[in-house]
Amino acid sequence: YGTPVMDFKVSGKVVNQSSSPIAGINVSYRIITAPGVSSVLTAEDGTFMISGTGISPVLDFKDVDGAENGGEFAAKTEEIKADRVKKGDGHWYMGKYESKGVVIQMEKK
């Protein structure tokens, strides 16, 4: 028995309600089935890129530095829609999926 898995890569930007970028937001994915980076911080311009292997790219966005990045933001979870860029093996491996230009808007607490 097994669980279907995919390789995924998601890139995008985290912004506040005024569409200004937010630095220092922790971006992580919940389900990991292979070793790799499971979290990253957004850059000064709010951008991030995360990749991994799992069931689907469900990402958690969490403010880990409090007021330092312009306010305290509520945590958020998003299932990211991704496009298949490489076919799987027809069995448990679903292939490689990518999503570019994702914009996540965080709300202040």
PDB file of N, CA and C in Angstrom:
ATOM      1  N   TYR A   1       0.833  -1.176   0.000  1.00  0.00           N
ATOM      2  CA  TYR A   1       0.000   0.000   0.000  1.00  0.00           C
ATOM      3  C   TYR A   1       0.871   1.230   0.000  1.00  0.00           C
ATOM      4  N   GLY A   2       0.328   2.316  -0.457  1.00  0.00           N
ATOM      5  CA  GLY A   2       1.083   3.562  -0.500  1.00  0.00           C
ATOM      6  C   GLY A   2       0.160   4.742  -0.681  1.00  0.00           C
ATOM      7  N   THR A   3       0.767   5.883  -0.732  1.00  0.00           N
ATOM      8  CA  THR A   3       0.037   7.129  -0.933  1.00  0.00           C
ATOM      9  C   THR A   3       0.617   7.823  -2.144  1.00  0.00           C
ATOM     10  N   PRO A   4      -0.214   8.278  -3.064  1.00  0.00           N
ATOM     11  CA  PRO A   4       0.318   9.023  -4.211  1.00  0.00           C
ATOM     12  C   PRO A   4       1.053  10.276  -3.738  1.00  0.00           C
ATOM     13  N   VAL A   5       2.170  10.577  -4.381  1.00  0.00           N
ATOM     14  CA  VAL A   5       2.936  11.771  -4.044  1.00  0.00           C
ATOM     15  C   VAL A   5       3.277  12.552  -5.302  1.00  0.00           C
ATOM     16  N   MET A   6       3.578  13.812  -5.096  1.00  0.00           N
ATOM     17  CA  MET A   6       4.005  14.696  -6.174  1.00  0.00           C
ATOM     18  C   MET A   6       5.208  15.494  -5.701  1.00  0.00           C
ATOM     19  N   ASP A   7       6.047  15.889  -6.632  1.00  0.00           N
ATOM     20  CA  ASP A   7       7.066  16.897  -6.368  1.00  0.00           C
ATOM     21  C   ASP A   7       6.429  18.223  -6.732  1.00  0.00           C
ATOM     22  N   PHE A   8       6.659  19.236  -5.901  1.00  0.00           N
ATOM     23  CA  PHE A   8       6.069  20.537  -6.224  1.00  0.00           C
ATOM     24  C   PHE A   8       7.039  21.669  -5.938  1.00  0.00           C
ATOM     25  N   LYS A   9       6.818  22.780  -6.653  1.00  0.00           N
ATOM     26  CA  LYS A   9       7.564  24.013  -6.436  1.00  0.00           C
ATOM     27  C   LYS A   9       6.565  25.155  -6.526  1.00  0.00           C
ATOM     28  N   VAL A  10       6.552  25.988  -5.489  1.00  0.00           N
ATOM     29  CA  VAL A  10       5.634  27.122  -5.436  1.00  0.00           C
ATOM     30  C   VAL A  10       6.456  28.383  -5.209  1.00  0.00           C
ATOM     31  N   SER A  11       6.194  29.407  -6.022  1.00  0.00           N
ATOM     32  CA  SER A  11       6.849  30.701  -5.816  1.00  0.00           C
ATOM     33  C   SER A  11       5.791  31.785  -5.858  1.00  0.00           C
ATOM     34  N   GLY A  12       6.046  32.830  -5.105  1.00  0.00           N
ATOM     35  CA  GLY A  12       5.082  33.917  -5.065  1.00  0.00           C
ATOM     36  C   GLY A  12       5.497  35.015  -4.125  1.00  0.00           C
ATOM     37  N   LYS A  13       4.482  35.711  -3.601  1.00  0.00           N
ATOM     38  CA  LYS A  13       4.714  36.889  -2.782  1.00  0.00           C
ATOM     39  C   LYS A  13       3.657  36.948  -1.696  1.00  0.00           C
ATOM     40  N   VAL A  14       4.057  37.403  -0.502  1.00  0.00           N
ATOM     41  CA  VAL A  14       3.130  37.616   0.602  1.00  0.00           C
ATOM     42  C   VAL A  14       3.000  39.114   0.800  1.00  0.00           C
ATOM     43  N   VAL A  15       1.745  39.591   0.838  1.00  0.00           N
ATOM     44  CA  VAL A  15       1.471  41.023   0.958  1.00  0.00           C
ATOM     45  C   VAL A  15       0.470  41.279   2.090  1.00  0.00           C
ATOM     46  N   ASN A  16       0.401  42.548   2.503  1.00  0.00           N
ATOM     47  CA  ASN A  16      -0.605  42.936   3.493  1.00  0.00           C
ATOM     48  C   ASN A  16      -1.871  43.382   2.772  1.00  0.00           C
ATOM     49  N   GLN A  17      -2.825  43.901   3.514  1.00  0.00           N
ATOM     50  CA  GLN A  17      -4.111  44.292   2.922  1.00  0.00           C
ATOM     51  C   GLN A  17      -3.998  45.486   1.978  1.00  0.00           C
ATOM     52  N   SER A  18      -2.871  46.213   2.047  1.00  0.00           N
ATOM     53  CA  SER A  18      -2.631  47.334   1.124  1.00  0.00           C
ATOM     54  C   SER A  18      -1.766  46.905  -0.058  1.00  0.00           C
ATOM     55  N   SER A  19      -1.547  45.602  -0.207  1.00  0.00           N
ATOM     56  CA  SER A  19      -0.719  45.006  -1.267  1.00  0.00           C
ATOM     57  C   SER A  19       0.761  45.337  -1.146  1.00  0.00           C
ATOM     58  N   SER A  20       1.207  45.766   0.046  1.00  0.00           N
ATOM     59  CA  SER A  20       2.630  45.987   0.284  1.00  0.00           C
ATOM     60  C   SER A  20       3.260  44.663   0.711  1.00  0.00           C
ATOM     61  N   PRO A  21       4.496  44.406   0.270  1.00  0.00           N
ATOM     62  CA  PRO A  21       5.149  43.133   0.606  1.00  0.00           C
ATOM     63  C   PRO A  21       5.434  43.017   2.105  1.00  0.00           C
ATOM     64  N   ILE A  22       5.416  41.778   2.600  1.00  0.00           N
ATOM     65  CA  ILE A  22       5.733  41.509   4.002  1.00  0.00           C
ATOM     66  C   ILE A  22       6.950  40.594   4.058  1.00  0.00           C
ATOM     67  N   ALA A  23       8.009  41.070   4.690  1.00  0.00           N
ATOM     68  CA  ALA A  23       9.207  40.264   4.904  1.00  0.00           C
ATOM     69  C   ALA A  23       9.048  39.452   6.188  1.00  0.00           C
ATOM     70  N   GLY A  24       9.771  38.347   6.281  1.00  0.00           N
ATOM     71  CA  GLY A  24       9.832  37.588   7.520  1.00  0.00           C
ATOM     72  C   GLY A  24       8.640  36.716   7.833  1.00  0.00           C
ATOM     73  N   ILE A  25       7.821  36.408   6.832  1.00  0.00           N
ATOM     74  CA  ILE A  25       6.713  35.471   7.046  1.00  0.00           C
ATOM     75  C   ILE A  25       7.252  34.057   6.811  1.00  0.00           C
ATOM     76  N   ASN A  26       6.997  33.160   7.742  1.00  0.00           N
ATOM     77  CA  ASN A  26       7.421  31.772   7.608  1.00  0.00           C
ATOM     78  C   ASN A  26       6.434  31.040   6.702  1.00  0.00           C
ATOM     79  N   VAL A  27       6.942  30.465   5.630  1.00  0.00           N
ATOM     80  CA  VAL A  27       6.133  29.689   4.690  1.00  0.00           C
ATOM     81  C   VAL A  27       6.562  28.235   4.847  1.00  0.00           C
ATOM     82  N   SER A  28       5.611  27.345   5.145  1.00  0.00           N
ATOM     83  CA  SER A  28       5.947  25.936   5.337  1.00  0.00           C
ATOM     84  C   SER A  28       4.873  25.059   4.729  1.00  0.00           C
ATOM     85  N   TYR A  29       5.225  23.804   4.493  1.00  0.00           N
ATOM     86  CA  TYR A  29       4.214  22.870   4.027  1.00  0.00           C
ATOM     87  C   TYR A  29       4.024  21.790   5.060  1.00  0.00           C
ATOM     88  N   ARG A  30       2.798  21.288   5.114  1.00  0.00           N
ATOM     89  CA  ARG A  30       2.374  20.411   6.196  1.00  0.00           C
ATOM     90  C   ARG A  30       2.825  18.978   6.051  1.00  0.00           C
ATOM     91  N   ILE A  31       2.646  18.412   4.878  1.00  0.00           N
ATOM     92  CA  ILE A  31       2.879  16.983   4.711  1.00  0.00           C
ATOM     93  C   ILE A  31       4.144  16.787   3.905  1.00  0.00           C
ATOM     94  N   ILE A  32       5.110  16.159   4.527  1.00  0.00           N
ATOM     95  CA  ILE A  32       6.377  15.903   3.851  1.00  0.00           C
ATOM     96  C   ILE A  32       6.616  14.405   3.837  1.00  0.00           C
ATOM     97  N   THR A  33       6.956  13.871   2.679  1.00  0.00           N
ATOM     98  CA  THR A  33       7.212  12.432   2.586  1.00  0.00           C
ATOM     99  C   THR A  33       8.654  12.148   2.212  1.00  0.00           C
ATOM    100  N   ALA A  34       9.429  13.198   1.966  1.00  0.00           N
ATOM    101  CA  ALA A  34      10.832  13.018   1.630  1.00  0.00           C
ATOM    102  C   ALA A  34      11.636  14.129   2.291  1.00  0.00           C
ATOM    103  N   PRO A  35      12.920  13.896   2.581  1.00  0.00           N
ATOM    104  CA  PRO A  35      13.733  14.940   3.208  1.00  0.00           C
ATOM    105  C   PRO A  35      13.819  16.173   2.323  1.00  0.00           C
ATOM    106  N   GLY A  36      13.934  17.327   2.941  1.00  0.00           N
ATOM    107  CA  GLY A  36      14.071  18.569   2.191  1.00  0.00           C
ATOM    108  C   GLY A  36      13.721  19.751   3.062  1.00  0.00           C
ATOM    109  N   VAL A  37      13.781  20.921   2.478  1.00  0.00           N
ATOM    110  CA  VAL A  37      13.445  22.144   3.203  1.00  0.00           C
ATOM    111  C   VAL A  37      11.941  22.215   3.347  1.00  0.00           C
ATOM    112  N   SER A  38      11.476  22.261   4.582  1.00  0.00           N
ATOM    113  CA  SER A  38      10.033  22.295   4.792  1.00  0.00           C
ATOM    114  C   SER A  38       9.525  23.684   5.134  1.00  0.00           C
ATOM    115  N   SER A  39      10.440  24.666   5.259  1.00  0.00           N
ATOM    116  CA  SER A  39       9.985  26.040   5.485  1.00  0.00           C
ATOM    117  C   SER A  39      11.027  27.036   5.002  1.00  0.00           C
ATOM    118  N   VAL A  40      10.552  28.219   4.645  1.00  0.00           N
ATOM    119  CA  VAL A  40      11.402  29.332   4.227  1.00  0.00           C
ATOM    120  C   VAL A  40      10.789  30.617   4.782  1.00  0.00           C
ATOM    121  N   LEU A  41      11.579  31.696   4.824  1.00  0.00           N
ATOM    122  CA  LEU A  41      11.075  33.011   5.199  1.00  0.00           C
ATOM    123  C   LEU A  41      10.954  33.871   3.952  1.00  0.00           C
ATOM    124  N   THR A  42       9.938  34.724   3.915  1.00  0.00           N
ATOM    125  CA  THR A  42       9.817  35.647   2.786  1.00  0.00           C
ATOM    126  C   THR A  42      10.950  36.663   2.839  1.00  0.00           C
ATOM    127  N   ALA A  43      11.394  37.094   1.663  1.00  0.00           N
ATOM    128  CA  ALA A  43      12.470  38.075   1.524  1.00  0.00           C
ATOM    129  C   ALA A  43      11.937  39.484   1.808  1.00  0.00           C
ATOM    130  N   GLU A  44      12.810  40.468   1.748  1.00  0.00           N
ATOM    131  CA  GLU A  44      12.424  41.868   1.981  1.00  0.00           C
ATOM    132  C   GLU A  44      11.286  42.312   1.065  1.00  0.00           C
ATOM    133  N   ASP A  45      11.263  41.772  -0.165  1.00  0.00           N
ATOM    134  CA  ASP A  45      10.221  42.151  -1.115  1.00  0.00           C
ATOM    135  C   ASP A  45       8.999  41.233  -1.033  1.00  0.00           C
ATOM    136  N   GLY A  46       8.937  40.400   0.021  1.00  0.00           N
ATOM    137  CA  GLY A  46       7.786  39.519   0.246  1.00  0.00           C
ATOM    138  C   GLY A  46       7.792  38.235  -0.551  1.00  0.00           C
ATOM    139  N   THR A  47       8.821  38.019  -1.376  1.00  0.00           N
ATOM    140  CA  THR A  47       8.835  36.835  -2.245  1.00  0.00           C
ATOM    141  C   THR A  47       9.298  35.594  -1.494  1.00  0.00           C
ATOM    142  N   PHE A  48       8.877  34.447  -2.016  1.00  0.00           N
ATOM    143  CA  PHE A  48       9.293  33.157  -1.474  1.00  0.00           C
ATOM    144  C   PHE A  48       9.303  32.121  -2.586  1.00  0.00           C
ATOM    145  N   MET A  49      10.051  31.043  -2.359  1.00  0.00           N
ATOM    146  CA  MET A  49      10.050  29.876  -3.235  1.00  0.00           C
ATOM    147  C   MET A  49      10.257  28.685  -2.322  1.00  0.00           C
ATOM    148  N   ILE A  50       9.367  27.711  -2.431  1.00  0.00           N
ATOM    149  CA  ILE A  50       9.470  26.510  -1.622  1.00  0.00           C
ATOM    150  C   ILE A  50       9.163  25.301  -2.496  1.00  0.00           C
ATOM    151  N   SER A  51       9.869  24.217  -2.254  1.00  0.00           N
ATOM    152  CA  SER A  51       9.618  22.999  -3.022  1.00  0.00           C
ATOM    153  C   SER A  51       9.697  21.806  -2.088  1.00  0.00           C
ATOM    154  N   GLY A  52       9.082  20.725  -2.510  1.00  0.00           N
ATOM    155  CA  GLY A  52       9.097  19.525  -1.690  1.00  0.00           C
ATOM    156  C   GLY A  52       8.380  18.381  -2.360  1.00  0.00           C
ATOM    157  N   THR A  53       8.191  17.330  -1.615  1.00  0.00           N
ATOM    158  CA  THR A  53       7.473  16.150  -2.073  1.00  0.00           C
ATOM    159  C   THR A  53       6.378  15.868  -1.065  1.00  0.00           C
ATOM    160  N   GLY A  54       5.177  15.696  -1.548  1.00  0.00           N
ATOM    161  CA  GLY A  54       4.068  15.435  -0.644  1.00  0.00           C
ATOM    162  C   GLY A  54       2.814  15.061  -1.400  1.00  0.00           C
ATOM    163  N   ILE A  55       1.713  15.117  -0.689  1.00  0.00           N
ATOM    164  CA  ILE A  55       0.421  14.763  -1.272  1.00  0.00           C
ATOM    165  C   ILE A  55      -0.142  15.916  -2.095  1.00  0.00           C
ATOM    166  N   SER A  56      -0.010  17.143  -1.587  1.00  0.00           N
ATOM    167  CA  SER A  56      -0.427  18.344  -2.309  1.00  0.00           C
ATOM    168  C   SER A  56       0.259  19.537  -1.660  1.00  0.00           C
ATOM    169  N   PRO A  57       0.420  20.636  -2.402  1.00  0.00           N
ATOM    170  CA  PRO A  57       1.065  21.803  -1.817  1.00  0.00           C
ATOM    171  C   PRO A  57       0.096  22.615  -0.940  1.00  0.00           C
ATOM    172  N   VAL A  58      -0.067  22.181   0.312  1.00  0.00           N
ATOM    173  CA  VAL A  58      -0.831  22.942   1.292  1.00  0.00           C
ATOM    174  C   VAL A  58       0.198  23.704   2.113  1.00  0.00           C
ATOM    175  N   LEU A  59       0.150  25.037   2.041  1.00  0.00           N
ATOM    176  CA  LEU A  59       1.157  25.864   2.689  1.00  0.00           C
ATOM    177  C   LEU A  59       0.571  26.622   3.871  1.00  0.00           C
ATOM    178  N   ASP A  60       1.377  26.753   4.916  1.00  0.00           N
ATOM    179  CA  ASP A  60       1.034  27.558   6.079  1.00  0.00           C
ATOM    180  C   ASP A  60       1.880  28.819   6.048  1.00  0.00           C
ATOM    181  N   PHE A  61       1.257  29.945   6.336  1.00  0.00           N
ATOM    182  CA  PHE A  61       1.917  31.241   6.374  1.00  0.00           C
ATOM    183  C   PHE A  61       1.771  31.778   7.794  1.00  0.00           C
ATOM    184  N   LYS A  62       2.919  32.061   8.441  1.00  0.00           N
ATOM    185  CA  LYS A  62       2.868  32.456   9.843  1.00  0.00           C
ATOM    186  C   LYS A  62       3.840  33.603  10.099  1.00  0.00           C
ATOM    187  N   ASP A  63       3.356  34.620  10.790  1.00  0.00           N
ATOM    188  CA  ASP A  63       4.178  35.751  11.203  1.00  0.00           C
ATOM    189  C   ASP A  63       5.013  35.303  12.400  1.00  0.00           C
ATOM    190  N   VAL A  64       6.328  35.219  12.228  1.00  0.00           N
ATOM    191  CA  VAL A  64       7.179  34.732  13.308  1.00  0.00           C
ATOM    192  C   VAL A  64       7.989  35.833  13.986  1.00  0.00           C
ATOM    193  N   ASP A  65       7.916  37.064  13.460  1.00  0.00           N
ATOM    194  CA  ASP A  65       8.691  38.135  14.092  1.00  0.00           C
ATOM    195  C   ASP A  65       7.823  39.236  14.696  1.00  0.00           C
ATOM    196  N   GLY A  66       6.523  38.993  14.789  1.00  0.00           N
ATOM    197  CA  GLY A  66       5.628  39.958  15.435  1.00  0.00           C
ATOM    198  C   GLY A  66       5.579  41.292  14.727  1.00  0.00           C
ATOM    199  N   ALA A  67       5.653  42.361  15.481  1.00  0.00           N
ATOM    200  CA  ALA A  67       5.485  43.716  14.939  1.00  0.00           C
ATOM    201  C   ALA A  67       6.660  44.169  14.082  1.00  0.00           C
ATOM    202  N   GLU A  68       7.755  43.437  14.071  1.00  0.00           N
ATOM    203  CA  GLU A  68       8.953  43.850  13.349  1.00  0.00           C
ATOM    204  C   GLU A  68       8.735  44.030  11.839  1.00  0.00           C
ATOM    205  N   ASN A  69       7.818  43.299  11.233  1.00  0.00           N
ATOM    206  CA  ASN A  69       7.592  43.380   9.784  1.00  0.00           C
ATOM    207  C   ASN A  69       6.404  44.264   9.414  1.00  0.00           C
ATOM    208  N   GLY A  70       6.051  45.184  10.286  1.00  0.00           N
ATOM    209  CA  GLY A  70       4.971  46.122   9.961  1.00  0.00           C
ATOM    210  C   GLY A  70       3.661  45.794  10.639  1.00  0.00           C
ATOM    211  N   GLY A  71       3.658  44.900  11.564  1.00  0.00           N
ATOM    212  CA  GLY A  71       2.431  44.544  12.270  1.00  0.00           C
ATOM    213  C   GLY A  71       2.411  43.077  12.608  1.00  0.00           C
ATOM    214  N   GLU A  72       1.428  42.676  13.358  1.00  0.00           N
ATOM    215  CA  GLU A  72       1.270  41.265  13.671  1.00  0.00           C
ATOM    216  C   GLU A  72       0.160  40.722  12.786  1.00  0.00           C
ATOM    217  N   PHE A  73       0.481  39.677  12.036  1.00  0.00           N
ATOM    218  CA  PHE A  73      -0.442  39.132  11.056  1.00  0.00           C
ATOM    219  C   PHE A  73      -0.972  37.777  11.501  1.00  0.00           C
ATOM    220  N   ALA A  74      -2.232  37.532  11.209  1.00  0.00           N
ATOM    221  CA  ALA A  74      -2.878  36.259  11.548  1.00  0.00           C
ATOM    222  C   ALA A  74      -2.339  35.155  10.645  1.00  0.00           C
ATOM    223  N   ALA A  75      -2.165  33.967  11.197  1.00  0.00           N
ATOM    224  CA  ALA A  75      -1.703  32.819  10.421  1.00  0.00           C
ATOM    225  C   ALA A  75      -2.740  32.459   9.364  1.00  0.00           C
ATOM    226  N   LYS A  76      -2.257  31.851   8.286  1.00  0.00           N
ATOM    227  CA  LYS A  76      -3.131  31.508   7.165  1.00  0.00           C
ATOM    228  C   LYS A  76      -2.666  30.194   6.543  1.00  0.00           C
ATOM    229  N   THR A  77      -3.615  29.383   6.091  1.00  0.00           N
ATOM    230  CA  THR A  77      -3.318  28.137   5.384  1.00  0.00           C
ATOM    231  C   THR A  77      -3.972  28.190   4.014  1.00  0.00           C
ATOM    232  N   GLU A  78      -3.221  27.823   2.983  1.00  0.00           N
ATOM    233  CA  GLU A  78      -3.737  27.844   1.609  1.00  0.00           C
ATOM    234  C   GLU A  78      -3.344  26.566   0.881  1.00  0.00           C
ATOM    235  N   GLU A  79      -4.318  25.960   0.194  1.00  0.00           N
ATOM    236  CA  GLU A  79      -3.985  24.879  -0.735  1.00  0.00           C
ATOM    237  C   GLU A  79      -3.719  25.541  -2.074  1.00  0.00           C
ATOM    238  N   ILE A  80      -2.523  25.368  -2.578  1.00  0.00           N
ATOM    239  CA  ILE A  80      -2.082  26.051  -3.789  1.00  0.00           C
ATOM    240  C   ILE A  80      -2.430  25.206  -5.010  1.00  0.00           C
ATOM    241  N   LYS A  81      -3.042  25.827  -5.983  1.00  0.00           N
ATOM    242  CA  LYS A  81      -3.319  25.163  -7.257  1.00  0.00           C
ATOM    243  C   LYS A  81      -2.029  25.157  -8.069  1.00  0.00           C
ATOM    244  N   ALA A  82      -1.655  24.002  -8.571  1.00  0.00           N
ATOM    245  CA  ALA A  82      -0.408  23.877  -9.317  1.00  0.00           C
ATOM    246  C   ALA A  82      -0.663  23.148 -10.637  1.00  0.00           C
ATOM    247  N   ASP A  83       0.160  23.472 -11.624  1.00  0.00           N
ATOM    248  CA  ASP A  83       0.073  22.846 -12.946  1.00  0.00           C
ATOM    249  C   ASP A  83       1.113  21.748 -13.070  1.00  0.00           C
ATOM    250  N   ARG A  84       0.711  20.640 -13.679  1.00  0.00           N
ATOM    251  CA  ARG A  84       1.656  19.550 -13.888  1.00  0.00           C
ATOM    252  C   ARG A  84       2.620  19.929 -15.001  1.00  0.00           C
ATOM    253  N   VAL A  85       3.917  19.793 -14.714  1.00  0.00           N
ATOM    254  CA  VAL A  85       4.947  20.101 -15.700  1.00  0.00           C
ATOM    255  C   VAL A  85       5.707  18.848 -16.130  1.00  0.00           C
ATOM    256  N   LYS A  86       5.486  17.743 -15.413  1.00  0.00           N
ATOM    257  CA  LYS A  86       6.108  16.472 -15.777  1.00  0.00           C
ATOM    258  C   LYS A  86       5.189  15.352 -15.330  1.00  0.00           C
ATOM    259  N   LYS A  87       4.927  14.410 -16.254  1.00  0.00           N
ATOM    260  CA  LYS A  87       4.057  13.273 -15.940  1.00  0.00           C
ATOM    261  C   LYS A  87       4.669  12.369 -14.891  1.00  0.00           C
ATOM    262  N   GLY A  88       3.796  11.696 -14.173  1.00  0.00           N
ATOM    263  CA  GLY A  88       4.229  10.711 -13.192  1.00  0.00           C
ATOM    264  C   GLY A  88       4.533   9.380 -13.839  1.00  0.00           C
ATOM    265  N   ASP A  89       4.719   8.364 -13.000  1.00  0.00           N
ATOM    266  CA  ASP A  89       5.088   7.042 -13.499  1.00  0.00           C
ATOM    267  C   ASP A  89       3.879   6.143 -13.757  1.00  0.00           C
ATOM    268  N   GLY A  90       2.667   6.664 -13.562  1.00  0.00           N
ATOM    269  CA  GLY A  90       1.473   5.858 -13.776  1.00  0.00           C
ATOM    270  C   GLY A  90       1.094   5.018 -12.574  1.00  0.00           C
ATOM    271  N   HIS A  91       1.875   5.137 -11.515  1.00  0.00           N
ATOM    272  CA  HIS A  91       1.600   4.384 -10.289  1.00  0.00           C
ATOM    273  C   HIS A  91       1.406   5.380  -9.144  1.00  0.00           C
ATOM    274  N   TRP A  92       2.293   5.370  -8.164  1.00  0.00           N
ATOM    275  CA  TRP A  92       2.136   6.231  -6.994  1.00  0.00           C
ATOM    276  C   TRP A  92       2.713   7.623  -7.190  1.00  0.00           C
ATOM    277  N   TYR A  93       3.626   7.783  -8.138  1.00  0.00           N
ATOM    278  CA  TYR A  93       4.229   9.091  -8.372  1.00  0.00           C
ATOM    279  C   TYR A  93       3.380   9.875  -9.373  1.00  0.00           C
ATOM    280  N   MET A  94       2.810  11.006  -8.926  1.00  0.00           N
ATOM    281  CA  MET A  94       1.897  11.794  -9.763  1.00  0.00           C
ATOM    282  C   MET A  94       2.616  12.752 -10.698  1.00  0.00           C
ATOM    283  N   GLY A  95       3.912  12.978 -10.491  1.00  0.00           N
ATOM    284  CA  GLY A  95       4.665  13.863 -11.366  1.00  0.00           C
ATOM    285  C   GLY A  95       5.127  15.115 -10.644  1.00  0.00           C
ATOM    286  N   LYS A  96       5.589  16.077 -11.459  1.00  0.00           N
ATOM    287  CA  LYS A  96       6.089  17.337 -10.923  1.00  0.00           C
ATOM    288  C   LYS A  96       5.092  18.445 -11.231  1.00  0.00           C
ATOM    289  N   TYR A  97       4.811  19.269 -10.226  1.00  0.00           N
ATOM    290  CA  TYR A  97       3.843  20.351 -10.338  1.00  0.00           C
ATOM    291  C   TYR A  97       4.487  21.663  -9.927  1.00  0.00           C
ATOM    292  N   GLU A  98       4.093  22.744 -10.605  1.00  0.00           N
ATOM    293  CA  GLU A  98       4.626  24.070 -10.275  1.00  0.00           C
ATOM    294  C   GLU A  98       3.512  25.095 -10.250  1.00  0.00           C
ATOM    295  N   SER A  99       3.716  26.089  -9.409  1.00  0.00           N
ATOM    296  CA  SER A  99       2.818  27.231  -9.345  1.00  0.00           C
ATOM    297  C   SER A  99       3.684  28.474  -9.173  1.00  0.00           C
ATOM    298  N   LYS A 100       3.541  29.428 -10.087  1.00  0.00           N
ATOM    299  CA  LYS A 100       4.338  30.657 -10.059  1.00  0.00           C
ATOM    300  C   LYS A 100       3.421  31.863  -9.893  1.00  0.00           C
ATOM    301  N   GLY A 101       3.919  32.889  -9.263  1.00  0.00           N
ATOM    302  CA  GLY A 101       3.174  34.136  -9.151  1.00  0.00           C
ATOM    303  C   GLY A 101       2.042  34.094  -8.146  1.00  0.00           C
ATOM    304  N   VAL A 102       2.096  33.194  -7.185  1.00  0.00           N
ATOM    305  CA  VAL A 102       1.064  33.099  -6.158  1.00  0.00           C
ATOM    306  C   VAL A 102       1.134  34.352  -5.286  1.00  0.00           C
ATOM    307  N   VAL A 103      -0.004  34.960  -5.001  1.00  0.00           N
ATOM    308  CA  VAL A 103      -0.046  36.127  -4.102  1.00  0.00           C
ATOM    309  C   VAL A 103      -0.921  35.760  -2.920  1.00  0.00           C
ATOM    310  N   ILE A 104      -0.324  35.849  -1.735  1.00  0.00           N
ATOM    311  CA  ILE A 104      -1.030  35.539  -0.495  1.00  0.00           C
ATOM    312  C   ILE A 104      -1.195  36.842   0.280  1.00  0.00           C
ATOM    313  N   GLN A 105      -2.418  37.185   0.610  1.00  0.00           N
ATOM    314  CA  GLN A 105      -2.682  38.402   1.374  1.00  0.00           C
ATOM    315  C   GLN A 105      -2.916  38.041   2.840  1.00  0.00           C
ATOM    316  N   MET A 106      -2.104  38.619   3.715  1.00  0.00           N
ATOM    317  CA  MET A 106      -2.211  38.394   5.148  1.00  0.00           C
ATOM    318  C   MET A 106      -3.020  39.535   5.776  1.00  0.00           C
ATOM    319  N   GLU A 107      -3.775  39.188   6.811  1.00  0.00           N
ATOM    320  CA  GLU A 107      -4.561  40.196   7.520  1.00  0.00           C
ATOM    321  C   GLU A 107      -3.965  40.417   8.898  1.00  0.00           C
ATOM    322  N   LYS A 108      -3.986  41.671   9.346  1.00  0.00           N
ATOM    323  CA  LYS A 108      -3.498  41.968  10.688  1.00  0.00           C
ATOM    324  C   LYS A 108      -4.397  41.331  11.728  1.00  0.00           C
ATOM    325  N   LYS A 109      -3.779  40.972  12.857  1.00  0.00           N
ATOM    326  CA  LYS A 109      -4.534  40.387  13.982  1.00  0.00           C
ATOM    327  C   LYS A 109      -5.450  41.424  14.574  1.00  0.00           C
TER     328      LYS A 109
END
